[in-house]
Amino acid sequence: MRFEFFVGRRYLQSRAGRRMSGITAIAIGGVFVGVAAILIVLSVINGFHQELKERILGATPHIVVTKLSYAPIDYSGPEDSLLMRIRAFPGVVGVAPFIYTKTLVRSSDAVEGAVIRGVDQSREREVTPITSSVTEGSFAFDSSGVVIGVDLARVLGVMVGDRLNIVSPFGGTNTPLGFVPKVKHFRVNGIFDSGMYEYNSSLIYVSLGELQRFLGMKRMVTGYEVRVRDIYSSGRIARLLTTQLGFPFRAVDWIAQNRNLFTALRLEKAVTFIVLVLIVLVAAFNIIGMLMMIVLRKTPEIGILKAIGASPRSVTRIFMFAGLFIGGLGTGFGAVFGFVVSWLLNRYHFLTLPGDVYFIKNLPVQMQWQDFVVVCVSAVVITFVATIYPAYKAARLPPVEAIRYE
């Protein structure tokens, strides 16, 4: 085994024998670039996914419990029986009632469609971190106070302290001149920035009791927001809640609420990985070409080795060791370089993103050991497979003809 390894490594060196040949360095460089590129890109993709999850959970509860038809649910107050049943469920750490409805918002400058979310101020802190996203004013309600998204405030042209009108078709009155929707004046108490344009451009928070009176939903809510101890167990807990609560209730976790988005993100990562693996495949073809050139150049030497007793298996091992040396060295250097670059990007944030295009300012990076293992193992396997054909051709050379080869 030492003999095959020594000869295989010697074939990769220059004629002087002191350092590796130029073509060997190019082959190692191809694997190095492929592995490093895959690891860096996957780390950035992981960072984007993690950042997006955090932004989504910044205004979205882990689980939402509603009726199947979104019909109103009877709510008797802080000691409501359904609320207490959900709160006592294993893994649940917070529950809050909410009302969800779509409406029109009118300011002195513009009219815009919006989503109003009526929440219990004291309990909302238990289920979502939206209260920490307030950038102006405070997350505080009074008889006519609201907290709105930063992009919606910009469209409406309002600031903290300004007034706006909320128009709702629910609870309106019929007159001889037609239907008149219900209108109520509110004051902007705070402006929040969740980091997600979808929420910032359409969401308005208002006191649960005030919205109940405005919509005529006395002692009723749309559903319950639920926070769990482990966000990745929310799917299992949601299924158990649906079973325990029974018809007509259902519980939907945060991943199911954004299923299309997360499916697209997983597909994006898979496609990116496949495309970048092509770089390693190109490097593998480079290894095949390089080893075939070595076979042609070293044909007389291979014939001499076989003439003095080297078996076809030994010759095969020589070229497989040579290919594994290239793949292992390129993969090792690529993994180290990918780790260092990813760490530097995560530590120093020297690459900034335009704030008017992306929802973040710096390039996010999250390294996952699973990615490193899969990429490194895949690269070594691909480069090993690339050695099979050249090794086979070398092992099949007849000794006499190989020695006479010019």
Foldseek 3Di string as FASTA:
>chain_A
DVVLLVLLVQLQCDPVSPGGDPLLVVLLQLLLVLLLVLQQVLQLLVQVVVVVVQLLLQPAFQKWKFFPVLDWDFADPPVGPVQVVLCPDPQFFAKWFKAWDKWWKAAPADIDIAIEIATAQVRVVRTHNQQVQWPDAGPDADLAEKEAAPQQCVVNVDDAFGKMKIWDQAPWDADPVGTDTQIDMHGYRTYGYSLDCVRRNHYMYHHNVNVCVRRVVPSIGSTMGIHGPDSVCSVVVQVVVCVVVDPRMGMDGSCRVVVVVVVVSVVVSVVVSVVSVVSLLVSLVSLLVVLLVSCQVCLLVLLVCVVVPQALVSLLSSLLSSLLVSLVSSLVSSLVSSVVVLVCQQPPQPDFDDVVVHSDTGRTGHRDVVSSVVSSVVSSVSSSVSSRVSSNVSSPDHSVVSNVRD
